[in-house]
N, C-alpha and C. Protein backbone atom coordinates (compact mmCIF):
# COMPACT_ATOMS: atom_id res chain seq x y z
N MET A 1 17.81 93.69 -20.84
CA MET A 1 18.90 92.94 -20.47
C MET A 1 19.37 91.87 -21.57
N LEU A 2 20.44 91.95 -21.15
CA LEU A 2 21.42 90.79 -22.88
C LEU A 2 20.97 89.78 -23.07
N ASP A 3 20.90 89.24 -23.54
CA ASP A 3 20.94 88.22 -23.93
C ASP A 3 21.79 87.70 -23.74
N ALA A 4 21.77 85.82 -23.05
CA ALA A 4 22.38 85.36 -23.26
C ALA A 4 23.58 85.04 -23.53
N ARG A 5 23.38 84.68 -25.25
CA ARG A 5 24.76 84.99 -25.76
C ARG A 5 25.50 86.06 -25.84
N VAL A 6 25.22 87.22 -26.00
CA VAL A 6 26.18 88.41 -25.90
C VAL A 6 26.65 88.31 -24.44
N GLN A 7 28.25 88.93 -24.58
CA GLN A 7 28.93 88.49 -22.64
C GLN A 7 29.13 89.79 -23.80
N ARG A 8 30.10 90.22 -21.91
CA ARG A 8 30.91 91.28 -22.31
C ARG A 8 31.84 91.59 -20.87
N ALA A 9 32.75 92.56 -21.49
CA ALA A 9 33.81 92.03 -21.38
C ALA A 9 34.85 93.86 -20.62
N ASP A 10 34.80 94.33 -19.79
CA ASP A 10 35.68 95.58 -19.72
C ASP A 10 37.10 95.71 -20.49
N VAL A 11 37.51 96.30 -21.04
CA VAL A 11 39.12 96.35 -21.64
C VAL A 11 39.77 98.10 -21.16
N ASP A 12 40.40 98.11 -20.65
CA ASP A 12 41.06 99.19 -20.60
C ASP A 12 40.04 100.45 -19.75
N GLY A 13 38.90 99.48 -19.12
CA GLY A 13 38.25 100.89 -18.98
C GLY A 13 36.81 100.85 -19.63
N VAL A 14 36.80 100.07 -20.75
CA VAL A 14 35.98 100.82 -21.89
C VAL A 14 35.25 99.12 -22.28
N PRO A 15 33.93 99.34 -22.31
CA PRO A 15 32.65 98.34 -22.50
C PRO A 15 32.79 97.55 -23.73
N VAL A 16 33.21 96.51 -23.77
CA VAL A 16 33.30 95.85 -24.95
C VAL A 16 31.97 94.29 -24.34
N PHE A 17 31.34 94.41 -25.90
CA PHE A 17 30.05 93.38 -26.24
C PHE A 17 30.34 92.50 -27.08
N TRP A 18 30.40 91.47 -27.25
CA TRP A 18 30.05 90.77 -27.94
C TRP A 18 29.60 89.42 -27.92
N ALA A 19 29.89 88.35 -29.22
CA ALA A 19 28.20 86.89 -29.36
C ALA A 19 28.94 86.16 -29.93
N GLU A 20 29.86 84.51 -30.20
CA GLU A 20 30.18 83.75 -30.57
C GLU A 20 29.09 83.77 -32.15
N LYS A 21 30.15 83.61 -32.81
CA LYS A 21 29.59 83.20 -34.66
C LYS A 21 29.50 81.58 -35.04
N PRO A 22 28.17 81.46 -34.84
CA PRO A 22 27.33 80.25 -35.09
C PRO A 22 28.00 79.68 -36.05
N GLU A 23 28.16 80.43 -37.28
CA GLU A 23 28.45 79.81 -38.74
C GLU A 23 29.28 80.83 -39.05
N PRO A 24 30.31 79.70 -39.77
CA PRO A 24 31.57 80.38 -40.30
C PRO A 24 30.97 81.95 -41.58
N GLY A 25 32.46 82.27 -41.64
CA GLY A 25 31.74 83.58 -42.89
C GLY A 25 32.15 84.71 -41.68
N PRO A 26 31.80 86.26 -42.50
CA PRO A 26 32.43 87.49 -41.82
C PRO A 26 32.23 88.14 -40.42
N LEU A 27 32.43 88.83 -40.00
CA LEU A 27 32.31 89.27 -38.76
C LEU A 27 31.69 90.23 -38.52
N GLN A 28 31.30 90.92 -38.41
CA GLN A 28 30.84 92.36 -37.98
C GLN A 28 31.13 92.62 -36.69
N ALA A 29 31.51 94.13 -36.51
CA ALA A 29 32.05 94.72 -35.87
C ALA A 29 31.79 96.18 -35.76
N SER A 30 31.13 96.40 -34.84
CA SER A 30 31.11 97.73 -34.84
C SER A 30 32.41 98.97 -33.07
N LEU A 31 32.74 100.03 -33.88
CA LEU A 31 33.06 100.96 -32.67
C LEU A 31 31.75 101.87 -32.69
N MET A 32 31.56 102.08 -31.16
CA MET A 32 30.44 103.17 -30.89
C MET A 32 30.77 104.35 -29.47
N PHE A 33 30.59 105.65 -30.01
CA PHE A 33 30.75 106.42 -29.41
C PHE A 33 29.15 107.36 -28.77
N ARG A 34 29.63 107.38 -27.57
CA ARG A 34 27.98 107.75 -27.09
C ARG A 34 28.34 110.04 -27.34
N VAL A 35 28.62 109.95 -28.64
CA VAL A 35 28.28 111.34 -28.53
C VAL A 35 28.16 111.07 -29.97
N GLY A 36 27.27 112.82 -30.84
CA GLY A 36 27.20 113.06 -32.03
C GLY A 36 26.18 114.20 -32.29
N LYS A 37 25.20 114.42 -32.98
CA LYS A 37 24.70 115.82 -33.10
C LYS A 37 24.00 116.44 -32.00
N ILE A 38 23.91 115.74 -30.87
CA ILE A 38 23.08 116.22 -29.97
C ILE A 38 24.65 117.17 -28.94
N ASP A 39 25.67 116.89 -28.66
CA ASP A 39 26.52 117.45 -28.17
C ASP A 39 27.51 118.83 -29.10
N GLU A 40 26.33 118.89 -30.20
CA GLU A 40 27.38 120.07 -30.92
C GLU A 40 26.70 121.69 -30.77
N THR A 41 27.17 122.11 -30.78
CA THR A 41 26.49 123.71 -30.60
C THR A 41 26.44 124.16 -31.47
N LEU A 42 25.75 125.21 -32.13
CA LEU A 42 25.31 125.81 -33.72
C LEU A 42 26.91 125.68 -34.30
N PRO A 43 27.97 126.49 -33.19
CA PRO A 43 28.78 126.88 -34.29
C PRO A 43 29.51 125.70 -34.71
N THR A 44 29.46 124.16 -33.67
CA THR A 44 30.05 123.37 -34.06
C THR A 44 29.59 122.32 -35.03
N ASN A 45 28.55 122.84 -35.32
CA ASN A 45 27.41 121.61 -36.23
C ASN A 45 28.13 120.93 -37.33
N ASP A 46 27.84 119.70 -37.40
CA ASP A 46 28.51 118.69 -38.21
C ASP A 46 30.09 118.38 -38.15
N ILE A 47 29.86 118.75 -36.34
CA ILE A 47 32.07 118.28 -36.65
C ILE A 47 32.19 117.30 -36.31
N THR A 48 30.86 116.42 -35.57
CA THR A 48 31.43 114.99 -35.67
C THR A 48 31.55 114.20 -36.63
N HIS A 49 30.53 114.90 -38.09
CA HIS A 49 30.67 114.01 -38.98
C HIS A 49 31.72 114.79 -39.95
N LEU A 50 32.09 115.89 -39.72
CA LEU A 50 33.77 115.29 -40.32
C LEU A 50 34.97 114.61 -40.55
N LEU A 51 35.14 115.10 -38.35
CA LEU A 51 36.25 114.08 -37.75
C LEU A 51 35.28 112.54 -38.39
N GLU A 52 34.06 112.08 -38.77
CA GLU A 52 33.61 110.65 -38.65
C GLU A 52 34.37 110.80 -40.28
N HIS A 53 33.68 111.98 -40.66
CA HIS A 53 34.78 111.28 -42.62
C HIS A 53 36.40 111.47 -42.14
N ILE A 54 36.43 112.25 -41.64
CA ILE A 54 38.24 112.16 -41.97
C ILE A 54 39.12 110.86 -42.19
N VAL A 55 38.33 110.09 -40.12
CA VAL A 55 39.12 109.63 -39.70
C VAL A 55 38.85 108.12 -41.36
N LEU A 56 37.74 107.81 -41.50
CA LEU A 56 37.45 106.68 -42.31
C LEU A 56 38.02 107.72 -44.11
N HIS A 57 38.79 108.58 -44.53
CA HIS A 57 39.14 108.13 -45.30
C HIS A 57 40.89 108.11 -45.64
N GLY A 58 40.97 108.40 -44.25
CA GLY A 58 42.98 107.81 -43.53
C GLY A 58 42.81 106.10 -43.59
N VAL A 59 41.57 105.41 -43.49
CA VAL A 59 41.90 104.39 -43.16
C VAL A 59 41.77 102.95 -44.19
N ASP A 60 43.28 102.45 -44.40
CA ASP A 60 43.41 101.48 -45.49
C ASP A 60 42.49 100.36 -45.99
N ARG A 61 42.10 101.26 -47.40
CA ARG A 61 41.53 100.70 -48.03
C ARG A 61 41.63 99.65 -49.11
N SER A 62 42.23 98.91 -48.40
CA SER A 62 42.65 97.10 -49.76
C SER A 62 42.16 96.32 -49.08
N GLY A 63 41.85 95.17 -49.33
CA GLY A 63 41.29 94.62 -48.84
C GLY A 63 39.38 93.98 -49.51
N ASP A 64 38.98 92.92 -48.88
CA ASP A 64 37.78 92.59 -49.58
C ASP A 64 36.99 92.41 -48.50
N GLU A 65 36.71 93.81 -48.23
CA GLU A 65 35.55 94.11 -47.10
C GLU A 65 34.61 94.20 -47.72
N ILE A 66 33.20 93.69 -47.33
CA ILE A 66 31.87 93.11 -48.03
C ILE A 66 31.51 95.06 -47.78
N HIS A 67 31.38 95.57 -46.09
CA HIS A 67 30.81 96.68 -46.00
C HIS A 67 31.94 97.47 -44.74
N ARG A 68 32.25 98.39 -44.92
CA ARG A 68 32.36 99.04 -43.98
C ARG A 68 31.95 100.66 -44.52
N ASN A 69 32.31 101.34 -42.90
CA ASN A 69 30.97 102.49 -43.30
C ASN A 69 31.43 103.35 -41.74
N GLY A 70 30.62 104.97 -41.46
CA GLY A 70 30.41 104.88 -40.84
C GLY A 70 29.57 105.81 -40.57
N HIS A 71 28.87 106.32 -38.79
CA HIS A 71 27.11 107.02 -39.10
C HIS A 71 27.69 107.64 -37.10
N VAL A 72 26.70 108.97 -37.80
CA VAL A 72 26.72 109.76 -36.69
C VAL A 72 24.99 109.72 -36.97
N ALA A 73 24.40 109.60 -35.96
CA ALA A 73 23.01 110.00 -35.03
C ALA A 73 23.04 111.23 -34.11
N THR A 74 21.89 111.17 -33.49
CA THR A 74 21.61 112.20 -32.48
C THR A 74 22.31 111.82 -31.10
N GLY A 75 22.85 110.81 -31.18
CA GLY A 75 23.69 111.02 -29.29
C GLY A 75 24.59 109.90 -30.15
N MET A 76 24.70 109.01 -30.88
CA MET A 76 25.98 108.52 -31.44
C MET A 76 26.65 108.05 -31.91
N THR A 77 28.12 108.03 -32.58
CA THR A 77 28.89 107.87 -33.79
C THR A 77 28.98 106.38 -33.54
N SER A 78 28.89 105.94 -34.81
CA SER A 78 29.88 104.38 -34.62
C SER A 78 30.40 104.36 -36.28
N PHE A 79 31.48 103.26 -36.33
CA PHE A 79 33.07 102.60 -37.09
C PHE A 79 32.00 101.33 -37.15
N ASP A 80 31.47 100.57 -38.22
CA ASP A 80 31.08 99.21 -38.84
C ASP A 80 31.71 98.67 -39.95
N ILE A 81 32.13 97.78 -39.62
CA ILE A 81 32.62 97.08 -40.84
C ILE A 81 31.34 96.00 -40.32
N VAL A 82 31.61 94.92 -41.54
CA VAL A 82 31.44 93.11 -42.29
C VAL A 82 33.16 92.81 -42.61
N GLY A 83 33.59 92.00 -42.67
CA GLY A 83 34.59 91.84 -43.34
C GLY A 83 35.26 90.50 -42.54
N GLU A 84 36.07 89.76 -43.11
CA GLU A 84 37.30 88.65 -42.36
C GLU A 84 37.77 89.15 -41.48
N PRO A 85 38.44 88.50 -40.37
CA PRO A 85 39.35 88.80 -39.43
C PRO A 85 40.56 89.83 -39.29
N SER A 86 41.01 89.21 -40.24
CA SER A 86 41.60 90.05 -40.46
C SER A 86 42.04 92.01 -41.49
N GLU A 87 40.31 91.77 -42.05
CA GLU A 87 40.44 93.15 -42.77
C GLU A 87 39.82 93.72 -41.14
N VAL A 88 38.73 93.44 -40.53
CA VAL A 88 37.65 93.68 -39.06
C VAL A 88 39.33 94.48 -38.52
N VAL A 89 40.23 94.07 -38.13
CA VAL A 89 41.40 94.23 -37.42
C VAL A 89 41.99 95.32 -37.83
N ARG A 90 42.34 95.11 -38.81
CA ARG A 90 42.79 96.43 -39.97
C ARG A 90 41.94 97.64 -39.42
N PHE A 91 40.74 97.64 -40.02
CA PHE A 91 39.62 98.79 -40.18
C PHE A 91 39.78 99.41 -38.68
N LEU A 92 39.36 98.80 -37.93
CA LEU A 92 39.06 99.48 -36.14
C LEU A 92 40.37 99.93 -35.94
N GLY A 93 41.46 98.76 -36.01
CA GLY A 93 43.20 99.47 -35.76
C GLY A 93 43.41 101.42 -36.15
N GLY A 94 42.89 100.76 -37.83
CA GLY A 94 42.97 102.16 -38.58
C GLY A 94 41.84 103.00 -37.59
N VAL A 95 41.34 103.58 -37.70
CA VAL A 95 40.49 104.56 -37.00
C VAL A 95 40.55 104.59 -35.76
N CYS A 96 40.55 103.93 -34.80
CA CYS A 96 41.34 104.08 -33.54
C CYS A 96 42.56 105.36 -33.79
N ALA A 97 43.75 105.08 -34.72
CA ALA A 97 45.04 105.65 -35.83
C ALA A 97 44.23 107.12 -35.61
N GLY A 98 43.13 107.01 -36.59
CA GLY A 98 43.07 107.87 -36.45
C GLY A 98 42.01 109.20 -35.77
N LEU A 99 41.44 109.01 -34.85
CA LEU A 99 41.01 108.96 -34.02
C LEU A 99 41.62 109.90 -32.70
N VAL A 100 42.45 109.04 -32.48
CA VAL A 100 44.14 109.87 -31.55
C VAL A 100 44.37 110.56 -32.35
N GLU A 101 45.06 111.14 -34.23
CA GLU A 101 45.21 111.43 -34.93
C GLU A 101 44.62 111.82 -35.90
N PRO A 102 43.95 112.47 -36.39
CA PRO A 102 42.89 112.50 -37.94
C PRO A 102 43.55 112.83 -38.79
N PRO A 103 43.35 112.08 -39.66
CA PRO A 103 44.42 112.53 -41.07
C PRO A 103 43.72 114.01 -41.65
N VAL A 104 44.34 114.82 -41.06
CA VAL A 104 43.57 116.61 -41.18
C VAL A 104 44.21 116.91 -43.02
N GLN A 105 45.16 116.45 -43.14
CA GLN A 105 45.26 116.24 -44.98
C GLN A 105 43.87 116.22 -46.00
N HIS A 106 43.33 115.66 -45.28
CA HIS A 106 42.05 114.63 -45.62
C HIS A 106 40.47 116.22 -45.67
N LEU A 107 40.95 117.13 -44.57
CA LEU A 107 40.42 118.22 -44.03
C LEU A 107 38.93 119.13 -45.09
N ASP A 108 39.74 119.33 -45.94
CA ASP A 108 39.33 120.27 -47.35
C ASP A 108 38.48 119.37 -48.30
N HIS A 109 39.05 117.77 -48.78
CA HIS A 109 38.01 117.03 -49.25
C HIS A 109 36.94 116.72 -48.62
N GLU A 110 37.38 116.54 -47.11
CA GLU A 110 35.68 116.15 -46.63
C GLU A 110 34.94 116.61 -46.51
N SER A 111 35.69 118.59 -46.49
CA SER A 111 34.58 119.77 -45.80
C SER A 111 33.86 119.62 -47.66
N ARG A 112 34.19 120.23 -48.53
CA ARG A 112 33.66 119.64 -49.19
C ARG A 112 32.52 118.16 -50.24
N VAL A 113 33.52 117.09 -49.53
CA VAL A 113 31.70 115.99 -49.56
C VAL A 113 30.64 116.08 -48.74
N LEU A 114 30.84 116.77 -47.80
CA LEU A 114 29.38 117.21 -46.79
C LEU A 114 28.83 118.59 -47.17
N GLU A 115 29.45 119.24 -47.92
CA GLU A 115 28.43 120.14 -48.78
C GLU A 115 27.75 119.89 -49.14
N ALA A 116 28.08 119.32 -50.30
CA ALA A 116 27.59 118.26 -51.42
C ALA A 116 26.51 117.24 -50.79
N GLU A 117 26.91 116.88 -50.02
CA GLU A 117 25.80 115.89 -49.52
C GLU A 117 24.61 116.32 -48.46
N ALA A 118 25.20 117.77 -48.39
CA ALA A 118 23.85 118.66 -47.38
C ALA A 118 23.50 118.92 -48.56
N ALA A 119 24.01 119.42 -49.39
CA ALA A 119 22.93 120.26 -50.98
C ALA A 119 22.17 119.09 -51.71
N ARG A 120 22.26 117.99 -51.87
CA ARG A 120 21.65 116.58 -52.24
C ARG A 120 20.77 116.06 -51.59
N SER A 121 20.36 116.33 -50.03
CA SER A 121 19.44 115.51 -48.80
C SER A 121 18.63 116.89 -48.75
N SER A 122 17.48 116.28 -48.98
CA SER A 122 16.16 116.95 -48.20
C SER A 122 16.13 116.86 -47.11
N ALA A 123 15.65 118.49 -46.03
CA ALA A 123 15.93 117.85 -44.94
C ALA A 123 14.47 117.66 -44.11
N ASN A 124 14.24 116.99 -43.09
CA ASN A 124 13.47 116.11 -42.46
C ASN A 124 12.96 117.17 -41.45
N ALA A 125 11.65 116.93 -40.74
CA ALA A 125 10.81 117.87 -40.42
C ALA A 125 11.79 118.57 -39.09
N ALA A 126 12.51 117.20 -37.81
CA ALA A 126 12.89 117.89 -37.46
C ALA A 126 14.18 118.66 -36.91
N THR A 127 14.69 118.57 -38.27
CA THR A 127 15.92 120.12 -39.34
C THR A 127 15.56 121.37 -39.20
N HIS A 128 14.64 121.38 -39.65
CA HIS A 128 13.40 123.01 -39.76
C HIS A 128 13.42 123.45 -38.72
N LEU A 129 12.57 122.37 -37.97
CA LEU A 129 11.90 122.99 -36.82
C LEU A 129 13.08 123.75 -36.09
N MET A 130 14.50 122.81 -35.92
CA MET A 130 15.47 122.77 -35.07
C MET A 130 16.22 124.44 -35.32
N PHE A 131 16.35 124.45 -37.22
CA PHE A 131 16.72 125.59 -37.79
C PHE A 131 15.60 127.00 -37.24
N ARG A 132 14.67 126.91 -37.33
CA ARG A 132 13.28 128.35 -36.85
C ARG A 132 13.86 128.24 -35.91
N ARG A 133 14.65 127.43 -34.69
CA ARG A 133 14.38 127.26 -33.95
C ARG A 133 16.07 127.99 -32.82
N PHE A 134 16.28 127.68 -34.01
CA PHE A 134 17.99 128.24 -32.95
C PHE A 134 18.51 128.95 -34.61
N ASP A 135 18.26 129.26 -35.40
CA ASP A 135 18.35 130.21 -36.89
C ASP A 135 19.06 131.40 -35.82
N PRO A 136 20.31 131.68 -36.70
CA PRO A 136 21.07 133.24 -35.99
C PRO A 136 20.70 134.31 -36.12
N SER A 137 19.97 134.34 -37.67
CA SER A 137 20.01 135.52 -38.43
C SER A 137 18.54 135.87 -37.93
């Protein structure tokens, strides 16, 4: 059940949740989708993460955002920002534009970024088990 302070509306069929901000300061916003690693097949592994990277690469980086990022989890992808209202609007507008028309000119660069990230990260037990179960070799 939602906290009474959280409100919900539908905008063009999309559920939107918000709460009034009790004190002055930066806003926090997230654009979330029910799509993630669980929706990928072995041949399309990490495609959602790659899309998240190229979309964020194409978003205008000017302004004094406190924080902005994207995240791909098992069953969800989000684009998040904490900043002034104009920065939040610019960021979310840029994310939506990038999702409609992904800036594919950044594809090669962001593919290399993901390869570097994968080389630095240590796989957890679940990842090892997934590769043992679904390894095509």
